[in-house]
Amino acid sequence: SIQLLPLQHRTMANPSASLPLLRSLLREARRMNDYNFRSYAIRRVKAGFSVNRNLQGEEAAAAIRDGEEQLQVLRRQVVLGQLYPSSRSVME
């Protein structure tokens, strides 16, 4: 199961680090084969960034580190999903 932690949004202290992270997380989430996992990951990334959009300082830096760790988790999940593909959902 995918566990994405809350992240931050553009208005935080370092937007140059958070915006590429947001794009990378969304890009990886869109690569997931399973519709349910894909839609959950996209929804969770967007919600995490919007919840923590006002973080600054050390909180923002910690959230970026957590986001980078979650990006690695998401990349591993995408690889596993490609190794063991499931049948197409009726939603796709």
C-alpha atoms as a PDB file:
ATOM      1  CA  SER A   1       0.000   0.000   0.000  1.00  0.00           C
ATOM      2  CA  ILE A   2       1.179   3.507  -0.743  1.00  0.00           C
ATOM      3  CA  GLN A   3       1.730   5.824   2.175  1.00  0.00           C
ATOM      4  CA  LEU A   4       2.301   9.430   1.139  1.00  0.00           C
ATOM      5  CA  LEU A   5       3.010  11.933   3.859  1.00  0.00           C
ATOM      6  CA  PRO A   6       1.738  15.526   3.896  1.00  0.00           C
ATOM      7  CA  LEU A   7       3.928  17.937   1.995  1.00  0.00           C
ATOM      8  CA  GLN A   8       3.975  21.656   1.318  1.00  0.00           C
ATOM      9  CA  HIS A   9       2.882  23.988  -1.473  1.00  0.00           C
ATOM     10  CA  ARG A  10       4.320  26.999  -3.351  1.00  0.00           C
ATOM     11  CA  THR A  11       3.850  29.554  -0.597  1.00  0.00           C
ATOM     12  CA  MET A  12       6.329  27.864   1.688  1.00  0.00           C
ATOM     13  CA  ALA A  13       9.808  29.156   2.356  1.00  0.00           C
ATOM     14  CA  ASN A  14      11.537  27.379  -0.546  1.00  0.00           C
ATOM     15  CA  PRO A  15       9.256  27.112  -3.589  1.00  0.00           C
ATOM     16  CA  SER A  16      12.203  26.211  -5.813  1.00  0.00           C
ATOM     17  CA  ALA A  17      12.451  22.881  -3.974  1.00  0.00           C
ATOM     18  CA  SER A  18       8.758  22.135  -3.498  1.00  0.00           C
ATOM     19  CA  LEU A  19       7.429  22.719  -7.014  1.00  0.00           C
ATOM     20  CA  PRO A  20       9.749  20.205  -8.721  1.00  0.00           C
ATOM     21  CA  LEU A  21       8.930  17.742  -5.943  1.00  0.00           C
ATOM     22  CA  LEU A  22       5.207  18.201  -6.577  1.00  0.00           C
ATOM     23  CA  ARG A  23       5.695  17.656 -10.302  1.00  0.00           C
ATOM     24  CA  SER A  24       7.832  14.566  -9.727  1.00  0.00           C
ATOM     25  CA  LEU A  25       5.326  13.043  -7.327  1.00  0.00           C
ATOM     26  CA  LEU A  26       2.436  13.660  -9.714  1.00  0.00           C
ATOM     27  CA  ARG A  27       4.420  12.313 -12.665  1.00  0.00           C
ATOM     28  CA  GLU A  28       5.234   9.098 -10.802  1.00  0.00           C
ATOM     29  CA  ALA A  29       1.659   8.751  -9.552  1.00  0.00           C
ATOM     30  CA  ARG A  30       0.364   8.972 -13.128  1.00  0.00           C
ATOM     31  CA  ARG A  31       2.657   6.105 -14.136  1.00  0.00           C
ATOM     32  CA  MET A  32       0.907   3.617 -11.842  1.00  0.00           C
ATOM     33  CA  ASN A  33      -0.906   0.871 -13.744  1.00  0.00           C
ATOM     34  CA  ASP A  34      -3.784   0.259 -11.346  1.00  0.00           C
ATOM     35  CA  TYR A  35      -6.551   2.847 -11.528  1.00  0.00           C
ATOM     36  CA  ASN A  36      -7.319   2.776  -7.807  1.00  0.00           C
ATOM     37  CA  PHE A  37      -3.690   3.178  -6.715  1.00  0.00           C
ATOM     38  CA  ARG A  38      -3.109   5.864  -9.342  1.00  0.00           C
ATOM     39  CA  SER A  39      -6.131   7.940  -8.368  1.00  0.00           C
ATOM     40  CA  TYR A  40      -5.328   7.545  -4.651  1.00  0.00           C
ATOM     41  CA  ALA A  41      -1.715   8.623  -5.115  1.00  0.00           C
ATOM     42  CA  ILE A  42      -2.645  11.683  -7.186  1.00  0.00           C
ATOM     43  CA  ARG A  43      -5.355  12.686  -4.710  1.00  0.00           C
ATOM     44  CA  ARG A  44      -3.013  12.179  -1.725  1.00  0.00           C
ATOM     45  CA  VAL A  45      -0.179  14.219  -3.263  1.00  0.00           C
ATOM     46  CA  LYS A  46      -2.484  17.140  -4.055  1.00  0.00           C
ATOM     47  CA  ALA A  47      -4.107  17.018  -0.612  1.00  0.00           C
ATOM     48  CA  GLY A  48      -0.756  16.868   1.162  1.00  0.00           C
ATOM     49  CA  PHE A  49       0.560  19.884  -0.682  1.00  0.00           C
ATOM     50  CA  SER A  50      -2.574  21.928  -0.059  1.00  0.00           C
ATOM     51  CA  VAL A  51      -2.746  21.068   3.653  1.00  0.00           C
ATOM     52  CA  ASN A  52       0.837  22.165   4.304  1.00  0.00           C
ATOM     53  CA  ARG A  53       1.104  25.076   1.909  1.00  0.00           C
ATOM     54  CA  ASN A  54       2.013  27.549   4.667  1.00  0.00           C
ATOM     55  CA  LEU A  55       4.937  25.681   6.196  1.00  0.00           C
ATOM     56  CA  GLN A  56       8.153  27.626   6.618  1.00  0.00           C
ATOM     57  CA  GLY A  57      11.622  27.107   8.002  1.00  0.00           C
ATOM     58  CA  GLU A  58      12.514  23.776   9.532  1.00  0.00           C
ATOM     59  CA  GLU A  59       8.983  22.424   9.130  1.00  0.00           C
ATOM     60  CA  ALA A  60       9.149  23.068   5.392  1.00  0.00           C
ATOM     61  CA  ALA A  61      12.601  21.503   5.124  1.00  0.00           C
ATOM     62  CA  ALA A  62      11.417  18.420   7.024  1.00  0.00           C
ATOM     63  CA  ALA A  63       8.350  18.161   4.791  1.00  0.00           C
ATOM     64  CA  ILE A  64      10.531  18.340   1.672  1.00  0.00           C
ATOM     65  CA  ARG A  65      12.757  15.559   3.031  1.00  0.00           C
ATOM     66  CA  ASP A  66       9.676  13.453   3.788  1.00  0.00           C
ATOM     67  CA  GLY A  67       8.342  14.166   0.310  1.00  0.00           C
ATOM     68  CA  GLU A  68      11.583  13.050  -1.293  1.00  0.00           C
ATOM     69  CA  GLU A  69      11.442   9.820   0.691  1.00  0.00           C
ATOM     70  CA  GLN A  70       7.849   9.298  -0.412  1.00  0.00           C
ATOM     71  CA  LEU A  71       8.891   9.916  -4.010  1.00  0.00           C
ATOM     72  CA  GLN A  72      11.324   7.019  -3.718  1.00  0.00           C
ATOM     73  CA  VAL A  73       8.555   4.836  -2.245  1.00  0.00           C
ATOM     74  CA  LEU A  74       6.240   5.795  -5.088  1.00  0.00           C
ATOM     75  CA  ARG A  75       8.922   4.979  -7.671  1.00  0.00           C
ATOM     76  CA  ARG A  76       9.358   1.523  -6.140  1.00  0.00           C
ATOM     77  CA  GLN A  77       5.592   0.999  -6.197  1.00  0.00           C
ATOM     78  CA  VAL A  78       5.477   1.935  -9.892  1.00  0.00           C
ATOM     79  CA  VAL A  79       8.210  -0.600 -10.677  1.00  0.00           C
ATOM     80  CA  LEU A  80       6.387  -3.308  -8.719  1.00  0.00           C
ATOM     81  CA  GLY A  81       3.155  -2.461 -10.501  1.00  0.00           C
ATOM     82  CA  GLN A  82       4.892  -2.867 -13.844  1.00  0.00           C
ATOM     83  CA  LEU A  83       6.393  -6.209 -12.818  1.00  0.00           C
ATOM     84  CA  TYR A  84       3.012  -7.584 -11.751  1.00  0.00           C
ATOM     85  CA  PRO A  85       0.401  -5.850 -13.899  1.00  0.00           C
ATOM     86  CA  SER A  86      -3.279  -6.165 -13.085  1.00  0.00           C
ATOM     87  CA  SER A  87      -6.178  -6.297 -15.478  1.00  0.00           C
ATOM     88  CA  ARG A  88      -7.668  -3.027 -16.720  1.00  0.00           C
ATOM     89  CA  SER A  89     -10.384  -1.487 -14.580  1.00  0.00           C
ATOM     90  CA  VAL A  90     -13.788  -0.606 -15.996  1.00  0.00           C
ATOM     91  CA  MET A  91     -12.996   2.981 -14.942  1.00  0.00           C
ATOM     92  CA  GLU A  92     -10.140   3.219 -17.460  1.00  0.00           C
END
